[in-house]
Structure formats: C-alpha cells, structure tokens
C-alpha cells in the first residue's frame, strides 16, 4: 500500500541565488516505513537562465547538522531543471536510484547555479515491497 509523502508542505521560495541550500535538519523526514519513494519535483517559477538541481539525501541520523550529512549521507537521486525551458514542469524522481539505497531519514538539497531565484515543490508516494 502506498502512503502520501509531503516533503515541502508549501512551495519553497529561494531568492538568494546562486546558492546551495539544504532542508532544515529538524524537518528531515523519517522514511523508515517505506522501501521506495515515487516523488514529483516541480519547478514552479525561477530566474531567466541557469540550472536548478534538487538532490535528495538519505542518512541514519537527524541530530547533527554539519557537512557530514551531505558528505556522509547518500545522494539517492536528483532532478535537474534547465532555465527557462523547464519552468512550470514536474519531474518524476524514483528513490532509491539504481546503485543506491534508502536509510532512515530523507532531506533535500537545492543548488541554484547562475539563477537568482526558484520556487520548488516536492511530494509523492511511499511504497513497501
């Protein structure tokens, strides 16, 4: 049976690009109930050029928010958007990606290259085997 997963309860607006931001550690999702995640990542609005990359990381802890979360965690999938052609588009993201695995907690990281702003939404379904 599948369950609804809401990673961003409302659109996430980033206005300080180019930059890299990570989801607040206190809101990392406990995904231990599911073996697979079928997510949809939407780029609702953005600047006029550059790329927006949404990386999904998984780790065994949600207590220490330092560089080890991203470097020691596992990048289990990503979605890349090219501006301006991908504005308003949604991309499917099946986790874990091939050659990866899911640990207990899930967290996003958003990378804006040369663009100055983006509005992102992430949600989907969690499935068991």
C-alpha atoms as a PDB file:
ATOM      1  CA  UNK A   1       0.000   0.000   0.000  1.00  0.00           C
ATOM      2  CA  UNK A   2       1.243   3.498  -0.793  1.00  0.00           C
ATOM      3  CA  UNK A   3       1.225   6.493   1.525  1.00  0.00           C
ATOM      4  CA  UNK A   4       1.309  10.177   0.602  1.00  0.00           C
ATOM      5  CA  UNK A   5       4.608  11.908   1.378  1.00  0.00           C
ATOM      6  CA  UNK A   6       4.819  15.690   1.508  1.00  0.00           C
ATOM      7  CA  UNK A   7       8.435  16.863   1.515  1.00  0.00           C
ATOM      8  CA  UNK A   8       7.628  20.561   1.071  1.00  0.00           C
ATOM      9  CA  UNK A   9       4.169  21.350   2.524  1.00  0.00           C
ATOM     10  CA  UNK A  10       4.130  24.600   0.544  1.00  0.00           C
ATOM     11  CA  UNK A  11       6.245  25.940  -2.322  1.00  0.00           C
ATOM     12  CA  UNK A  12       9.812  26.567  -1.232  1.00  0.00           C
ATOM     13  CA  UNK A  13      10.930  30.011  -2.447  1.00  0.00           C
ATOM     14  CA  UNK A  14      14.677  30.641  -2.732  1.00  0.00           C
ATOM     15  CA  UNK A  15      15.640  34.218  -3.582  1.00  0.00           C
ATOM     16  CA  UNK A  16      19.337  34.366  -2.734  1.00  0.00           C
ATOM     17  CA  UNK A  17      20.896  32.593  -5.725  1.00  0.00           C
ATOM     18  CA  UNK A  18      23.279  31.469  -6.896  1.00  0.00           C
ATOM     19  CA  UNK A  19      23.432  29.319  -3.781  1.00  0.00           C
ATOM     20  CA  UNK A  20      23.102  25.858  -2.267  1.00  0.00           C
ATOM     21  CA  UNK A  21      20.558  25.293   0.485  1.00  0.00           C
ATOM     22  CA  UNK A  22      19.623  22.211   2.481  1.00  0.00           C
ATOM     23  CA  UNK A  23      16.406  21.287   4.236  1.00  0.00           C
ATOM     24  CA  UNK A  24      16.421  22.115   7.941  1.00  0.00           C
ATOM     25  CA  UNK A  25      17.624  19.030   9.821  1.00  0.00           C
ATOM     26  CA  UNK A  26      14.664  19.292  12.221  1.00  0.00           C
ATOM     27  CA  UNK A  27      12.288  18.669   9.323  1.00  0.00           C
ATOM     28  CA  UNK A  28      14.139  15.704   7.779  1.00  0.00           C
ATOM     29  CA  UNK A  29      11.584  13.005   7.005  1.00  0.00           C
ATOM     30  CA  UNK A  30      11.642   9.626   8.723  1.00  0.00           C
ATOM     31  CA  UNK A  31      11.186   7.288   5.743  1.00  0.00           C
ATOM     32  CA  UNK A  32      11.836   4.001   7.555  1.00  0.00           C
ATOM     33  CA  UNK A  33       8.273   2.811   6.772  1.00  0.00           C
ATOM     34  CA  UNK A  34       8.922   2.656   3.023  1.00  0.00           C
ATOM     35  CA  UNK A  35      11.248   0.794   0.662  1.00  0.00           C
ATOM     36  CA  UNK A  36      10.641   3.034  -2.364  1.00  0.00           C
ATOM     37  CA  UNK A  37       9.626   6.659  -2.860  1.00  0.00           C
ATOM     38  CA  UNK A  38       7.927   7.947  -6.004  1.00  0.00           C
ATOM     39  CA  UNK A  39       8.403  11.711  -5.808  1.00  0.00           C
ATOM     40  CA  UNK A  40       7.415  14.578  -8.070  1.00  0.00           C
ATOM     41  CA  UNK A  41       9.670  17.632  -8.088  1.00  0.00           C
ATOM     42  CA  UNK A  42       8.150  20.771  -9.552  1.00  0.00           C
ATOM     43  CA  UNK A  43       9.872  23.963 -10.630  1.00  0.00           C
ATOM     44  CA  UNK A  44       7.016  26.435 -10.259  1.00  0.00           C
ATOM     45  CA  UNK A  45       8.982  29.585 -11.069  1.00  0.00           C
ATOM     46  CA  UNK A  46      12.608  30.622 -11.475  1.00  0.00           C
ATOM     47  CA  UNK A  47      15.003  33.187 -12.858  1.00  0.00           C
ATOM     48  CA  UNK A  48      15.675  33.514 -16.574  1.00  0.00           C
ATOM     49  CA  UNK A  49      18.786  31.369 -17.087  1.00  0.00           C
ATOM     50  CA  UNK A  50      20.978  28.730 -15.433  1.00  0.00           C
ATOM     51  CA  UNK A  51      20.076  25.444 -13.796  1.00  0.00           C
ATOM     52  CA  UNK A  52      18.283  24.279 -10.672  1.00  0.00           C
ATOM     53  CA  UNK A  53      19.253  20.890  -9.231  1.00  0.00           C
ATOM     54  CA  UNK A  54      17.273  19.171  -6.475  1.00  0.00           C
ATOM     55  CA  UNK A  55      19.306  16.452  -4.711  1.00  0.00           C
ATOM     56  CA  UNK A  56      17.744  14.030  -2.244  1.00  0.00           C
ATOM     57  CA  UNK A  57      19.997  12.720   0.529  1.00  0.00           C
ATOM     58  CA  UNK A  58      19.391   9.900   2.990  1.00  0.00           C
ATOM     59  CA  UNK A  59      21.171   9.265   6.284  1.00  0.00           C
ATOM     60  CA  UNK A  60      20.806   7.351   9.540  1.00  0.00           C
ATOM     61  CA  UNK A  61      20.670  10.428  11.797  1.00  0.00           C
ATOM     62  CA  UNK A  62      18.764  13.693  12.129  1.00  0.00           C
ATOM     63  CA  UNK A  63      20.574  15.195  15.094  1.00  0.00           C
ATOM     64  CA  UNK A  64      23.824  16.690  13.788  1.00  0.00           C
ATOM     65  CA  UNK A  65      23.533  19.258  11.004  1.00  0.00           C
ATOM     66  CA  UNK A  66      27.035  19.595   9.636  1.00  0.00           C
ATOM     67  CA  UNK A  67      28.828  18.822   6.402  1.00  0.00           C
ATOM     68  CA  UNK A  68      28.808  15.101   7.263  1.00  0.00           C
ATOM     69  CA  UNK A  69      25.089  14.943   6.484  1.00  0.00           C
ATOM     70  CA  UNK A  70      25.691  15.622   2.813  1.00  0.00           C
ATOM     71  CA  UNK A  71      29.178  14.124   2.503  1.00  0.00           C
ATOM     72  CA  UNK A  72      28.477  11.114   4.737  1.00  0.00           C
ATOM     73  CA  UNK A  73      24.897  10.655   3.633  1.00  0.00           C
ATOM     74  CA  UNK A  74      23.872   9.027   0.389  1.00  0.00           C
ATOM     75  CA  UNK A  75      22.653  11.013  -2.595  1.00  0.00           C
ATOM     76  CA  UNK A  76      19.791   8.712  -3.536  1.00  0.00           C
ATOM     77  CA  UNK A  77      18.520  10.715  -6.510  1.00  0.00           C
ATOM     78  CA  UNK A  78      18.314  14.118  -8.161  1.00  0.00           C
ATOM     79  CA  UNK A  79      16.256  16.150 -10.608  1.00  0.00           C
ATOM     80  CA  UNK A  80      17.784  18.846 -12.800  1.00  0.00           C
ATOM     81  CA  UNK A  81      15.961  21.751 -14.447  1.00  0.00           C
ATOM     82  CA  UNK A  82      17.328  23.974 -17.230  1.00  0.00           C
ATOM     83  CA  UNK A  83      16.031  27.534 -17.353  1.00  0.00           C
ATOM     84  CA  UNK A  84      13.917  28.934 -18.893  1.00  0.00           C
ATOM     85  CA  UNK A  85      12.568  25.851 -20.739  1.00  0.00           C
ATOM     86  CA  UNK A  86      11.776  23.780 -17.612  1.00  0.00           C
ATOM     87  CA  UNK A  87       9.867  26.460 -15.686  1.00  0.00           C
ATOM     88  CA  UNK A  88       6.443  25.083 -14.772  1.00  0.00           C
ATOM     89  CA  UNK A  89       7.468  21.459 -15.303  1.00  0.00           C
ATOM     90  CA  UNK A  90       7.345  18.495 -12.933  1.00  0.00           C
ATOM     91  CA  UNK A  91       9.899  15.678 -12.981  1.00  0.00           C
ATOM     92  CA  UNK A  92       9.475  12.207 -11.548  1.00  0.00           C
ATOM     93  CA  UNK A  93      12.075  11.023  -9.082  1.00  0.00           C
ATOM     94  CA  UNK A  94      12.032   7.351  -8.078  1.00  0.00           C
ATOM     95  CA  UNK A  95      14.095   6.666  -4.952  1.00  0.00           C
ATOM     96  CA  UNK A  96      16.356   4.947  -4.426  1.00  0.00           C
ATOM     97  CA  UNK A  97      18.033   5.467  -7.747  1.00  0.00           C
ATOM     98  CA  UNK A  98      19.856   2.465  -9.183  1.00  0.00           C
ATOM     99  CA  UNK A  99      23.023   1.591  -7.245  1.00  0.00           C
ATOM    100  CA  UNK A 100      21.739   3.486  -4.193  1.00  0.00           C
ATOM    101  CA  UNK A 101      19.711   2.734  -1.081  1.00  0.00           C
ATOM    102  CA  UNK A 102      17.417   4.441   1.396  1.00  0.00           C
ATOM    103  CA  UNK A 103      18.433   4.934   5.003  1.00  0.00           C
ATOM    104  CA  UNK A 104      16.184   6.238   7.784  1.00  0.00           C
ATOM    105  CA  UNK A 105      15.970   9.989   7.100  1.00  0.00           C
ATOM    106  CA  UNK A 106      15.439  11.945   3.873  1.00  0.00           C
ATOM    107  CA  UNK A 107      16.435  15.532   3.196  1.00  0.00           C
ATOM    108  CA  UNK A 108      16.635  17.747   0.103  1.00  0.00           C
ATOM    109  CA  UNK A 109      19.437  19.974  -1.125  1.00  0.00           C
ATOM    110  CA  UNK A 110      18.737  22.610  -3.789  1.00  0.00           C
ATOM    111  CA  UNK A 111      21.512  24.054  -5.947  1.00  0.00           C
ATOM    112  CA  UNK A 112      20.936  27.241  -7.946  1.00  0.00           C
ATOM    113  CA  UNK A 113      23.760  27.923 -10.396  1.00  0.00           C
ATOM    114  CA  UNK A 114      23.600  31.298 -12.106  1.00  0.00           C
ATOM    115  CA  UNK A 115      19.907  31.894 -11.487  1.00  0.00           C
ATOM    116  CA  UNK A 116      18.833  34.192  -8.671  1.00  0.00           C
ATOM    117  CA  UNK A 117      15.535  32.620  -7.630  1.00  0.00           C
ATOM    118  CA  UNK A 118      13.431  29.474  -7.756  1.00  0.00           C
ATOM    119  CA  UNK A 119      10.203  28.110  -6.330  1.00  0.00           C
ATOM    120  CA  UNK A 120      10.220  24.323  -5.744  1.00  0.00           C
ATOM    121  CA  UNK A 121       7.607  21.811  -4.617  1.00  0.00           C
ATOM    122  CA  UNK A 122       8.329  18.142  -3.685  1.00  0.00           C
ATOM    123  CA  UNK A 123       5.762  15.469  -2.839  1.00  0.00           C
ATOM    124  CA  UNK A 124       4.883  11.908  -3.772  1.00  0.00           C
ATOM    125  CA  UNK A 125       4.145   8.401  -2.521  1.00  0.00           C
ATOM    126  CA  UNK A 126       5.991   5.958  -0.292  1.00  0.00           C
ATOM    127  CA  UNK A 127       5.737   2.232  -1.093  1.00  0.00           C
ATOM    128  CA  UNK A 128       6.653  -1.005   0.656  1.00  0.00           C
ATOM    129  CA  UNK A 129       7.781  -4.129  -1.193  1.00  0.00           C
END
